[in-house]
Amino acid sequence: MNEHDFEAQLRADGYTEIESQTLESRPGKGRHRHLFAIRGLVLSGTFNVMLDSEPIAHGPGQIFSVAEGQLHDESTGPEGARILVGRKFSKSPSVKEANRVGPD
């Protein structure tokens, strides 16, 4: 799936904050939750998502997702990653900004 089609699909599915991110190589951020759902497309590099005990590596062209409130960790491979990511909020805009946790 290309970037344009993925972004269109995100919007159709209710994802309102959509951005491209270039991430340097980094270890995990630590287990955390977001007050929004996340869906992303890896454009280059490797983006790892750990939902349970084992990280799942996502490479170019692969889609990852994390449900709202789901405990997870995330990291990148040694070359970093470039991703297109969307956020979907279930709360009203005023509440979402007050409760926003992190950029991803």
PDB file of N, CA and C in Angstrom:
ATOM      1  N   MET A   1       0.849  -1.176   0.000  1.00  0.00           N
ATOM      2  CA  MET A   1       0.000   0.000   0.000  1.00  0.00           C
ATOM      3  C   MET A   1       0.893   1.235   0.000  1.00  0.00           C
ATOM      4  N   ASN A   2       0.543   2.221  -0.803  1.00  0.00           N
ATOM      5  CA  ASN A   2       1.356   3.436  -0.831  1.00  0.00           C
ATOM      6  C   ASN A   2       0.877   4.438   0.226  1.00  0.00           C
ATOM      7  N   GLU A   3       1.655   5.472   0.449  1.00  0.00           N
ATOM      8  CA  GLU A   3       1.366   6.441   1.503  1.00  0.00           C
ATOM      9  C   GLU A   3       0.007   7.114   1.308  1.00  0.00           C
ATOM     10  N   HIS A   4      -0.270   7.535   0.081  1.00  0.00           N
ATOM     11  CA  HIS A   4      -1.521   8.237  -0.200  1.00  0.00           C
ATOM     12  C   HIS A   4      -2.733   7.363   0.104  1.00  0.00           C
ATOM     13  N   ASP A   5      -2.700   6.116  -0.353  1.00  0.00           N
ATOM     14  CA  ASP A   5      -3.816   5.201  -0.095  1.00  0.00           C
ATOM     15  C   ASP A   5      -3.960   4.887   1.390  1.00  0.00           C
ATOM     16  N   PHE A   6      -2.845   4.729   2.078  1.00  0.00           N
ATOM     17  CA  PHE A   6      -2.889   4.438   3.505  1.00  0.00           C
ATOM     18  C   PHE A   6      -3.486   5.623   4.269  1.00  0.00           C
ATOM     19  N   GLU A   7      -3.063   6.828   3.926  1.00  0.00           N
ATOM     20  CA  GLU A   7      -3.611   8.009   4.588  1.00  0.00           C
ATOM     21  C   GLU A   7      -5.114   8.124   4.335  1.00  0.00           C
ATOM     22  N   ALA A   8      -5.549   7.857   3.121  1.00  0.00           N
ATOM     23  CA  ALA A   8      -6.983   7.897   2.805  1.00  0.00           C
ATOM     24  C   ALA A   8      -7.744   6.860   3.633  1.00  0.00           C
ATOM     25  N   GLN A   9      -7.157   5.672   3.798  1.00  0.00           N
ATOM     26  CA  GLN A   9      -7.804   4.634   4.593  1.00  0.00           C
ATOM     27  C   GLN A   9      -7.876   5.026   6.070  1.00  0.00           C
ATOM     28  N   LEU A  10      -6.803   5.645   6.576  1.00  0.00           N
ATOM     29  CA  LEU A  10      -6.824   6.118   7.962  1.00  0.00           C
ATOM     30  C   LEU A  10      -7.972   7.102   8.168  1.00  0.00           C
ATOM     31  N   ARG A  11      -8.076   8.079   7.281  1.00  0.00           N
ATOM     32  CA  ARG A  11      -9.140   9.083   7.408  1.00  0.00           C
ATOM     33  C   ARG A  11     -10.522   8.434   7.343  1.00  0.00           C
ATOM     34  N   ALA A  12     -10.692   7.493   6.427  1.00  0.00           N
ATOM     35  CA  ALA A  12     -11.976   6.797   6.284  1.00  0.00           C
ATOM     36  C   ALA A  12     -12.324   6.018   7.552  1.00  0.00           C
ATOM     37  N   ASP A  13     -11.301   5.556   8.275  1.00  0.00           N
ATOM     38  CA  ASP A  13     -11.515   4.780   9.496  1.00  0.00           C
ATOM     39  C   ASP A  13     -11.558   5.637  10.758  1.00  0.00           C
ATOM     40  N   GLY A  14     -11.552   6.971  10.611  1.00  0.00           N
ATOM     41  CA  GLY A  14     -11.710   7.857  11.759  1.00  0.00           C
ATOM     42  C   GLY A  14     -10.437   8.323  12.425  1.00  0.00           C
ATOM     43  N   TYR A  15      -9.285   8.081  11.819  1.00  0.00           N
ATOM     44  CA  TYR A  15      -8.019   8.564  12.375  1.00  0.00           C
ATOM     45  C   TYR A  15      -7.870  10.027  11.975  1.00  0.00           C
ATOM     46  N   THR A  16      -7.750  10.909  12.973  1.00  0.00           N
ATOM     47  CA  THR A  16      -7.782  12.344  12.695  1.00  0.00           C
ATOM     48  C   THR A  16      -6.412  13.011  12.725  1.00  0.00           C
ATOM     49  N   GLU A  17      -5.482  12.487  13.460  1.00  0.00           N
ATOM     50  CA  GLU A  17      -4.130  13.041  13.493  1.00  0.00           C
ATOM     51  C   GLU A  17      -3.226  12.101  12.717  1.00  0.00           C
ATOM     52  N   ILE A  18      -2.740  12.567  11.589  1.00  0.00           N
ATOM     53  CA  ILE A  18      -1.926  11.733  10.711  1.00  0.00           C
ATOM     54  C   ILE A  18      -0.641  12.486  10.403  1.00  0.00           C
ATOM     55  N   GLU A  19       0.488  11.792  10.576  1.00  0.00           N
ATOM     56  CA  GLU A  19       1.769  12.443  10.309  1.00  0.00           C
ATOM     57  C   GLU A  19       2.830  11.428   9.917  1.00  0.00           C
ATOM     58  N   SER A  20       3.821  11.920   9.208  1.00  0.00           N
ATOM     59  CA  SER A  20       4.992  11.124   8.876  1.00  0.00           C
ATOM     60  C   SER A  20       6.054  11.406   9.931  1.00  0.00           C
ATOM     61  N   GLN A  21       6.729  10.363  10.404  1.00  0.00           N
ATOM     62  CA  GLN A  21       7.773  10.523  11.412  1.00  0.00           C
ATOM     63  C   GLN A  21       9.040   9.819  10.945  1.00  0.00           C
ATOM     64  N   THR A  22      10.174  10.467  11.153  1.00  0.00           N
ATOM     65  CA  THR A  22      11.467   9.845  10.935  1.00  0.00           C
ATOM     66  C   THR A  22      12.071   9.604  12.305  1.00  0.00           C
ATOM     67  N   LEU A  23      12.288   8.344  12.638  1.00  0.00           N
ATOM     68  CA  LEU A  23      12.745   7.957  13.971  1.00  0.00           C
ATOM     69  C   LEU A  23      14.173   7.437  13.915  1.00  0.00           C
ATOM     70  N   GLU A  24      15.010   7.950  14.781  1.00  0.00           N
ATOM     71  CA  GLU A  24      16.377   7.448  14.904  1.00  0.00           C
ATOM     72  C   GLU A  24      16.339   6.071  15.555  1.00  0.00           C
ATOM     73  N   SER A  25      17.422   5.340  15.421  1.00  0.00           N
ATOM     74  CA  SER A  25      17.529   4.048  16.093  1.00  0.00           C
ATOM     75  C   SER A  25      17.373   4.275  17.588  1.00  0.00           C
ATOM     76  N   ARG A  26      16.521   3.469  18.222  1.00  0.00           N
ATOM     77  CA  ARG A  26      16.306   3.630  19.654  1.00  0.00           C
ATOM     78  C   ARG A  26      15.823   2.327  20.273  1.00  0.00           C
ATOM     79  N   PRO A  27      16.199   2.107  21.529  1.00  0.00           N
ATOM     80  CA  PRO A  27      15.661   0.947  22.252  1.00  0.00           C
ATOM     81  C   PRO A  27      14.215   1.250  22.649  1.00  0.00           C
ATOM     82  N   GLY A  28      13.594   0.351  23.339  1.00  0.00           N
ATOM     83  CA  GLY A  28      12.222   0.550  23.776  1.00  0.00           C
ATOM     84  C   GLY A  28      12.044   1.806  24.609  1.00  0.00           C
ATOM     85  N   LYS A  29      10.846   2.356  24.568  1.00  0.00           N
ATOM     86  CA  LYS A  29      10.505   3.547  25.345  1.00  0.00           C
ATOM     87  C   LYS A  29      10.034   3.184  26.742  1.00  0.00           C
ATOM     88  N   GLY A  30       9.800   1.892  26.973  1.00  0.00           N
ATOM     89  CA  GLY A  30       9.204   1.444  28.223  1.00  0.00           C
ATOM     90  C   GLY A  30       7.723   1.189  27.994  1.00  0.00           C
ATOM     91  N   ARG A  31       7.183   0.227  28.709  1.00  0.00           N
ATOM     92  CA  ARG A  31       5.773  -0.127  28.521  1.00  0.00           C
ATOM     93  C   ARG A  31       4.897   1.055  28.910  1.00  0.00           C
ATOM     94  N   HIS A  32       3.959   1.364  28.054  1.00  0.00           N
ATOM     95  CA  HIS A  32       3.090   2.512  28.265  1.00  0.00           C
ATOM     96  C   HIS A  32       1.775   2.321  27.523  1.00  0.00           C
ATOM     97  N   ARG A  33       0.844   3.231  27.744  1.00  0.00           N
ATOM     98  CA  ARG A  33      -0.461   3.222  27.085  1.00  0.00           C
ATOM     99  C   ARG A  33      -0.718   4.604  26.503  1.00  0.00           C
ATOM    100  N   HIS A  34      -1.615   4.652  25.526  1.00  0.00           N
ATOM    101  CA  HIS A  34      -2.066   5.926  24.965  1.00  0.00           C
ATOM    102  C   HIS A  34      -3.573   6.012  25.109  1.00  0.00           C
ATOM    103  N   LEU A  35      -4.074   7.218  25.158  1.00  0.00           N
ATOM    104  CA  LEU A  35      -5.513   7.440  25.208  1.00  0.00           C
ATOM    105  C   LEU A  35      -6.069   7.591  23.791  1.00  0.00           C
ATOM    106  N   PHE A  36      -5.462   6.885  22.860  1.00  0.00           N
ATOM    107  CA  PHE A  36      -5.887   6.873  21.465  1.00  0.00           C
ATOM    108  C   PHE A  36      -5.395   5.592  20.821  1.00  0.00           C
ATOM    109  N   ALA A  37      -6.047   5.205  19.744  1.00  0.00           N
ATOM    110  CA  ALA A  37      -5.594   4.055  18.951  1.00  0.00           C
ATOM    111  C   ALA A  37      -4.554   4.543  17.958  1.00  0.00           C
ATOM    112  N   ILE A  38      -3.637   3.668  17.597  1.00  0.00           N
ATOM    113  CA  ILE A  38      -2.577   3.997  16.658  1.00  0.00           C
ATOM    114  C   ILE A  38      -2.588   2.978  15.521  1.00  0.00           C
ATOM    115  N   ARG A  39      -2.432   3.463  14.303  1.00  0.00           N
ATOM    116  CA  ARG A  39      -2.197   2.575  13.164  1.00  0.00           C
ATOM    117  C   ARG A  39      -1.131   3.236  12.306  1.00  0.00           C
ATOM    118  N   GLY A  40      -0.137   2.461  11.895  1.00  0.00           N
ATOM    119  CA  GLY A  40       0.948   3.035  11.117  1.00  0.00           C
ATOM    120  C   GLY A  40       1.415   2.137  10.002  1.00  0.00           C
ATOM    121  N   LEU A  41       2.025   2.761   9.017  1.00  0.00           N
ATOM    122  CA  LEU A  41       2.624   2.079   7.878  1.00  0.00           C
ATOM    123  C   LEU A  41       4.121   2.354   7.924  1.00  0.00           C
ATOM    124  N   VAL A  42       4.926   1.305   7.888  1.00  0.00           N
ATOM    125  CA  VAL A  42       6.379   1.481   7.866  1.00  0.00           C
ATOM    126  C   VAL A  42       6.787   1.806   6.437  1.00  0.00           C
ATOM    127  N   LEU A  43       7.466   2.940   6.275  1.00  0.00           N
ATOM    128  CA  LEU A  43       7.916   3.382   4.956  1.00  0.00           C
ATOM    129  C   LEU A  43       9.350   2.933   4.686  1.00  0.00           C
ATOM    130  N   SER A  44      10.170   2.914   5.728  1.00  0.00           N
ATOM    131  CA  SER A  44      11.540   2.413   5.607  1.00  0.00           C
ATOM    132  C   SER A  44      12.044   2.033   6.998  1.00  0.00           C
ATOM    133  N   GLY A  45      13.057   1.183   7.026  1.00  0.00           N
ATOM    134  CA  GLY A  45      13.624   0.746   8.295  1.00  0.00           C
ATOM    135  C   GLY A  45      12.766  -0.314   8.968  1.00  0.00           C
ATOM    136  N   THR A  46      12.935  -0.431  10.288  1.00  0.00           N
ATOM    137  CA  THR A  46      12.203  -1.424  11.070  1.00  0.00           C
ATOM    138  C   THR A  46      11.598  -0.755  12.291  1.00  0.00           C
ATOM    139  N   PHE A  47      10.295  -0.984  12.488  1.00  0.00           N
ATOM    140  CA  PHE A  47       9.578  -0.477  13.652  1.00  0.00           C
ATOM    141  C   PHE A  47       9.049  -1.679  14.408  1.00  0.00           C
ATOM    142  N   ASN A  48       9.454  -1.811  15.667  1.00  0.00           N
ATOM    143  CA  ASN A  48       9.090  -2.963  16.493  1.00  0.00           C
ATOM    144  C   ASN A  48       8.003  -2.572  17.492  1.00  0.00           C
ATOM    145  N   VAL A  49       7.005  -3.424  17.613  1.00  0.00           N
ATOM    146  CA  VAL A  49       5.936  -3.214  18.589  1.00  0.00           C
ATOM    147  C   VAL A  49       5.859  -4.453  19.479  1.00  0.00           C
ATOM    148  N   MET A  50       5.921  -4.240  20.797  1.00  0.00           N
ATOM    149  CA  MET A  50       5.788  -5.340  21.740  1.00  0.00           C
ATOM    150  C   MET A  50       4.464  -5.170  22.470  1.00  0.00           C
ATOM    151  N   LEU A  51       3.526  -6.078  22.213  1.00  0.00           N
ATOM    152  CA  LEU A  51       2.237  -6.035  22.888  1.00  0.00           C
ATOM    153  C   LEU A  51       2.225  -6.957  24.090  1.00  0.00           C
ATOM    154  N   ASP A  52       2.760  -8.138  23.940  1.00  0.00           N
ATOM    155  CA  ASP A  52       2.816  -9.087  25.042  1.00  0.00           C
ATOM    156  C   ASP A  52       4.265  -9.215  25.478  1.00  0.00           C
ATOM    157  N   SER A  53       4.893 -10.335  25.175  1.00  0.00           N
ATOM    158  CA  SER A  53       6.266 -10.524  25.632  1.00  0.00           C
ATOM    159  C   SER A  53       7.302 -10.467  24.519  1.00  0.00           C
ATOM    160  N   GLU A  54       6.897 -10.670  23.281  1.00  0.00           N
ATOM    161  CA  GLU A  54       7.846 -10.681  22.172  1.00  0.00           C
ATOM    162  C   GLU A  54       7.601  -9.508  21.228  1.00  0.00           C
ATOM    163  N   PRO A  55       8.657  -8.772  20.861  1.00  0.00           N
ATOM    164  CA  PRO A  55       8.466  -7.693  19.892  1.00  0.00           C
ATOM    165  C   PRO A  55       8.178  -8.264  18.500  1.00  0.00           C
ATOM    166  N   ILE A  56       7.348  -7.566  17.774  1.00  0.00           N
ATOM    167  CA  ILE A  56       7.049  -7.932  16.395  1.00  0.00           C
ATOM    168  C   ILE A  56       7.671  -6.862  15.512  1.00  0.00           C
ATOM    169  N   ALA A  57       8.581  -7.281  14.633  1.00  0.00           N
ATOM    170  CA  ALA A  57       9.272  -6.359  13.739  1.00  0.00           C
ATOM    171  C   ALA A  57       8.414  -6.104  12.504  1.00  0.00           C
ATOM    172  N   HIS A  58       8.247  -4.845  12.162  1.00  0.00           N
ATOM    173  CA  HIS A  58       7.499  -4.441  10.972  1.00  0.00           C
ATOM    174  C   HIS A  58       8.466  -3.718  10.040  1.00  0.00           C
ATOM    175  N   GLY A  59       8.521  -4.165   8.797  1.00  0.00           N
ATOM    176  CA  GLY A  59       9.395  -3.565   7.808  1.00  0.00           C
ATOM    177  C   GLY A  59       8.608  -2.773   6.786  1.00  0.00           C
ATOM    178  N   PRO A  60       9.302  -2.244   5.777  1.00  0.00           N
ATOM    179  CA  PRO A  60       8.650  -1.421   4.758  1.00  0.00           C
ATOM    180  C   PRO A  60       7.425  -2.108   4.146  1.00  0.00           C
ATOM    181  N   GLY A  61       6.338  -1.332   4.089  1.00  0.00           N
ATOM    182  CA  GLY A  61       5.097  -1.834   3.519  1.00  0.00           C
ATOM    183  C   GLY A  61       4.193  -2.534   4.513  1.00  0.00           C
ATOM    184  N   GLN A  62       4.673  -2.765   5.729  1.00  0.00           N
ATOM    185  CA  GLN A  62       3.858  -3.458   6.727  1.00  0.00           C
ATOM    186  C   GLN A  62       3.138  -2.455   7.629  1.00  0.00           C
ATOM    187  N   ILE A  63       1.962  -2.857   8.082  1.00  0.00           N
ATOM    188  CA  ILE A  63       1.117  -2.021   8.917  1.00  0.00           C
ATOM    189  C   ILE A  63       1.129  -2.562  10.347  1.00  0.00           C
ATOM    190  N   PHE A  64       1.214  -1.651  11.310  1.00  0.00           N
ATOM    191  CA  PHE A  64       1.140  -2.026  12.721  1.00  0.00           C
ATOM    192  C   PHE A  64      -0.013  -1.257  13.358  1.00  0.00           C
ATOM    193  N   SER A  65      -0.511  -1.783  14.467  1.00  0.00           N
ATOM    194  CA  SER A  65      -1.566  -1.074  15.190  1.00  0.00           C
ATOM    195  C   SER A  65      -1.497  -1.400  16.676  1.00  0.00           C
ATOM    196  N   VAL A  66      -1.956  -0.441  17.464  1.00  0.00           N
ATOM    197  CA  VAL A  66      -2.048  -0.591  18.909  1.00  0.00           C
ATOM    198  C   VAL A  66      -3.398  -0.005  19.305  1.00  0.00           C
ATOM    199  N   ALA A  67      -4.198  -0.780  20.002  1.00  0.00           N
ATOM    200  CA  ALA A  67      -5.522  -0.325  20.424  1.00  0.00           C
ATOM    201  C   ALA A  67      -5.414   0.737  21.507  1.00  0.00           C
ATOM    202  N   GLU A  68      -6.424   1.567  21.604  1.00  0.00           N
ATOM    203  CA  GLU A  68      -6.487   2.579  22.658  1.00  0.00           C
ATOM    204  C   GLU A  68      -6.364   1.906  24.021  1.00  0.00           C
ATOM    205  N   GLY A  69      -5.444   2.404  24.844  1.00  0.00           N
ATOM    206  CA  GLY A  69      -5.267   1.886  26.189  1.00  0.00           C
ATOM    207  C   GLY A  69      -4.466   0.602  26.292  1.00  0.00           C
ATOM    208  N   GLN A  70      -4.025   0.044  25.166  1.00  0.00           N
ATOM    209  CA  GLN A  70      -3.293  -1.225  25.195  1.00  0.00           C
ATOM    210  C   GLN A  70      -1.854  -1.004  25.669  1.00  0.00           C
ATOM    211  N   LEU A  71      -1.434  -1.779  26.655  1.00  0.00           N
ATOM    212  CA  LEU A  71      -0.074  -1.706  27.165  1.00  0.00           C
ATOM    213  C   LEU A  71       0.879  -2.227  26.090  1.00  0.00           C
ATOM    214  N   HIS A  72       1.919  -1.448  25.787  1.00  0.00           N
ATOM    215  CA  HIS A  72       2.848  -1.830  24.722  1.00  0.00           C
ATOM    216  C   HIS A  72       4.192  -1.125  24.908  1.00  0.00           C
ATOM    217  N   ASP A  73       5.155  -1.537  24.111  1.00  0.00           N
ATOM    218  CA  ASP A  73       6.439  -0.854  24.000  1.00  0.00           C
ATOM    219  C   ASP A  73       6.748  -0.762  22.517  1.00  0.00           C
ATOM    220  N   GLU A  74       7.617   0.137  22.158  1.00  0.00           N
ATOM    221  CA  GLU A  74       7.986   0.318  20.754  1.00  0.00           C
ATOM    222  C   GLU A  74       9.453   0.694  20.651  1.00  0.00           C
ATOM    223  N   SER A  75      10.075   0.250  19.584  1.00  0.00           N
ATOM    224  CA  SER A  75      11.483   0.553  19.340  1.00  0.00           C
ATOM    225  C   SER A  75      11.704   0.541  17.838  1.00  0.00           C
ATOM    226  N   THR A  76      12.910   0.918  17.433  1.00  0.00           N
ATOM    227  CA  THR A  76      13.273   0.843  16.022  1.00  0.00           C
ATOM    228  C   THR A  76      14.513  -0.026  15.876  1.00  0.00           C
ATOM    229  N   GLY A  77      14.726  -0.467  14.654  1.00  0.00           N
ATOM    230  CA  GLY A  77      15.920  -1.244  14.355  1.00  0.00           C
ATOM    231  C   GLY A  77      17.145  -0.349  14.303  1.00  0.00           C
ATOM    232  N   PRO A  78      18.310  -0.922  14.019  1.00  0.00           N
ATOM    233  CA  PRO A  78      19.563  -0.158  14.033  1.00  0.00           C
ATOM    234  C   PRO A  78      19.610   0.970  13.004  1.00  0.00           C
ATOM    235  N   GLU A  79      18.798   0.864  11.947  1.00  0.00           N
ATOM    236  CA  GLU A  79      18.777   1.896  10.914  1.00  0.00           C
ATOM    237  C   GLU A  79      17.686   2.933  11.154  1.00  0.00           C
ATOM    238  N   GLY A  80      16.947   2.805  12.269  1.00  0.00           N
ATOM    239  CA  GLY A  80      15.835   3.711  12.529  1.00  0.00           C
ATOM    240  C   GLY A  80      14.630   3.308  11.690  1.00  0.00           C
ATOM    241  N   ALA A  81      13.699   4.218  11.535  1.00  0.00           N
ATOM    242  CA  ALA A  81      12.500   3.923  10.747  1.00  0.00           C
ATOM    243  C   ALA A  81      11.841   5.223  10.309  1.00  0.00           C
ATOM    244  N   ARG A  82      11.146   5.124   9.209  1.00  0.00           N
ATOM    245  CA  ARG A  82      10.280   6.219   8.758  1.00  0.00           C
ATOM    246  C   ARG A  82       8.885   5.615   8.687  1.00  0.00           C
ATOM    247  N   ILE A  83       7.924   6.251   9.369  1.00  0.00           N
ATOM    248  CA  ILE A  83       6.574   5.708   9.437  1.00  0.00           C
ATOM    249  C   ILE A  83       5.546   6.800   9.128  1.00  0.00           C
ATOM    250  N   LEU A  84       4.395   6.371   8.647  1.00  0.00           N
ATOM    251  CA  LEU A  84       3.224   7.219   8.512  1.00  0.00           C
ATOM    252  C   LEU A  84       2.242   6.698   9.542  1.00  0.00           C
ATOM    253  N   VAL A  85       1.868   7.546  10.505  1.00  0.00           N
ATOM    254  CA  VAL A  85       1.070   7.075  11.638  1.00  0.00           C
ATOM    255  C   VAL A  85      -0.166   7.940  11.826  1.00  0.00           C
ATOM    256  N   GLY A  86      -1.261   7.274  12.222  1.00  0.00           N
ATOM    257  CA  GLY A  86      -2.488   7.979  12.531  1.00  0.00           C
ATOM    258  C   GLY A  86      -2.926   7.680  13.950  1.00  0.00           C
ATOM    259  N   ARG A  87      -3.620   8.643  14.542  1.00  0.00           N
ATOM    260  CA  ARG A  87      -4.166   8.493  15.899  1.00  0.00           C
ATOM    261  C   ARG A  87      -5.679   8.658  15.836  1.00  0.00           C
ATOM    262  N   LYS A  88      -6.366   7.794  16.535  1.00  0.00           N
ATOM    263  CA  LYS A  88      -7.831   7.835  16.568  1.00  0.00           C
ATOM    264  C   LYS A  88      -8.274   7.969  18.016  1.00  0.00           C
ATOM    265  N   PHE A  89      -8.995   9.042  18.298  1.00  0.00           N
ATOM    266  CA  PHE A  89      -9.440   9.352  19.656  1.00  0.00           C
ATOM    267  C   PHE A  89     -10.906   8.995  19.813  1.00  0.00           C
ATOM    268  N   SER A  90     -11.243   8.416  20.944  1.00  0.00           N
ATOM    269  CA  SER A  90     -12.645   8.111  21.213  1.00  0.00           C
ATOM    270  C   SER A  90     -13.285   9.185  22.074  1.00  0.00           C
ATOM    271  N   LYS A  91     -12.514  10.094  22.597  1.00  0.00           N
ATOM    272  CA  LYS A  91     -13.014  11.148  23.467  1.00  0.00           C
ATOM    273  C   LYS A  91     -13.165  12.449  22.678  1.00  0.00           C
ATOM    274  N   SER A  92     -13.823  13.431  23.268  1.00  0.00           N
ATOM    275  CA  SER A  92     -14.014  14.720  22.610  1.00  0.00           C
ATOM    276  C   SER A  92     -12.671  15.432  22.460  1.00  0.00           C
ATOM    277  N   PRO A  93     -12.542  16.367  21.493  1.00  0.00           N
ATOM    278  CA  PRO A  93     -11.266  17.052  21.265  1.00  0.00           C
ATOM    279  C   PRO A  93     -10.696  17.732  22.497  1.00  0.00           C
ATOM    280  N   SER A  94     -11.521  18.358  23.337  1.00  0.00           N
ATOM    281  CA  SER A  94     -10.984  19.044  24.509  1.00  0.00           C
ATOM    282  C   SER A  94     -10.385  18.049  25.499  1.00  0.00           C
ATOM    283  N   VAL A  95     -10.996  16.897  25.632  1.00  0.00           N
ATOM    284  CA  VAL A  95     -10.481  15.869  26.534  1.00  0.00           C
ATOM    285  C   VAL A  95      -9.232  15.233  25.945  1.00  0.00           C
ATOM    286  N   LYS A  96      -9.225  14.994  24.634  1.00  0.00           N
ATOM    287  CA  LYS A  96      -8.074  14.326  24.020  1.00  0.00           C
ATOM    288  C   LYS A  96      -6.805  15.137  24.205  1.00  0.00           C
ATOM    289  N   GLU A  97      -6.877  16.453  24.060  1.00  0.00           N
ATOM    290  CA  GLU A  97      -5.673  17.261  24.223  1.00  0.00           C
ATOM    291  C   GLU A  97      -5.212  17.261  25.673  1.00  0.00           C
ATOM    292  N   ALA A  98      -6.132  17.282  26.594  1.00  0.00           N
ATOM    293  CA  ALA A  98      -5.768  17.297  28.012  1.00  0.00           C
ATOM    294  C   ALA A  98      -5.120  15.979  28.421  1.00  0.00           C
ATOM    295  N   ASN A  99      -5.506  14.893  27.763  1.00  0.00           N
ATOM    296  CA  ASN A  99      -5.021  13.562  28.156  1.00  0.00           C
ATOM    297  C   ASN A  99      -3.969  12.998  27.219  1.00  0.00           C
ATOM    298  N   ARG A 100      -3.529  13.740  26.260  1.00  0.00           N
ATOM    299  CA  ARG A 100      -2.596  13.210  25.275  1.00  0.00           C
ATOM    300  C   ARG A 100      -1.312  12.758  25.940  1.00  0.00           C
ATOM    301  N   VAL A 101      -0.838  11.576  25.526  1.00  0.00           N
ATOM    302  CA  VAL A 101       0.372  10.982  26.087  1.00  0.00           C
ATOM    303  C   VAL A 101       1.339  10.739  24.949  1.00  0.00           C
ATOM    304  N   GLY A 102       2.364  11.533  24.817  1.00  0.00           N
ATOM    305  CA  GLY A 102       3.428  11.288  23.846  1.00  0.00           C
ATOM    306  C   GLY A 102       3.032  11.585  22.416  1.00  0.00           C
ATOM    307  N   PRO A 103       4.032  11.662  21.519  1.00  0.00           N
ATOM    308  CA  PRO A 103       3.802  12.006  20.132  1.00  0.00           C
ATOM    309  C   PRO A 103       3.409  10.844  19.258  1.00  0.00           C
ATOM    310  N   ASP A 104       3.498   9.633  19.720  1.00  0.00           N
ATOM    311  CA  ASP A 104       3.242   8.513  18.834  1.00  0.00           C
ATOM    312  C   ASP A 104       2.091   7.753  19.333  1.00  0.00           C
TER     313      ASP A 104
END
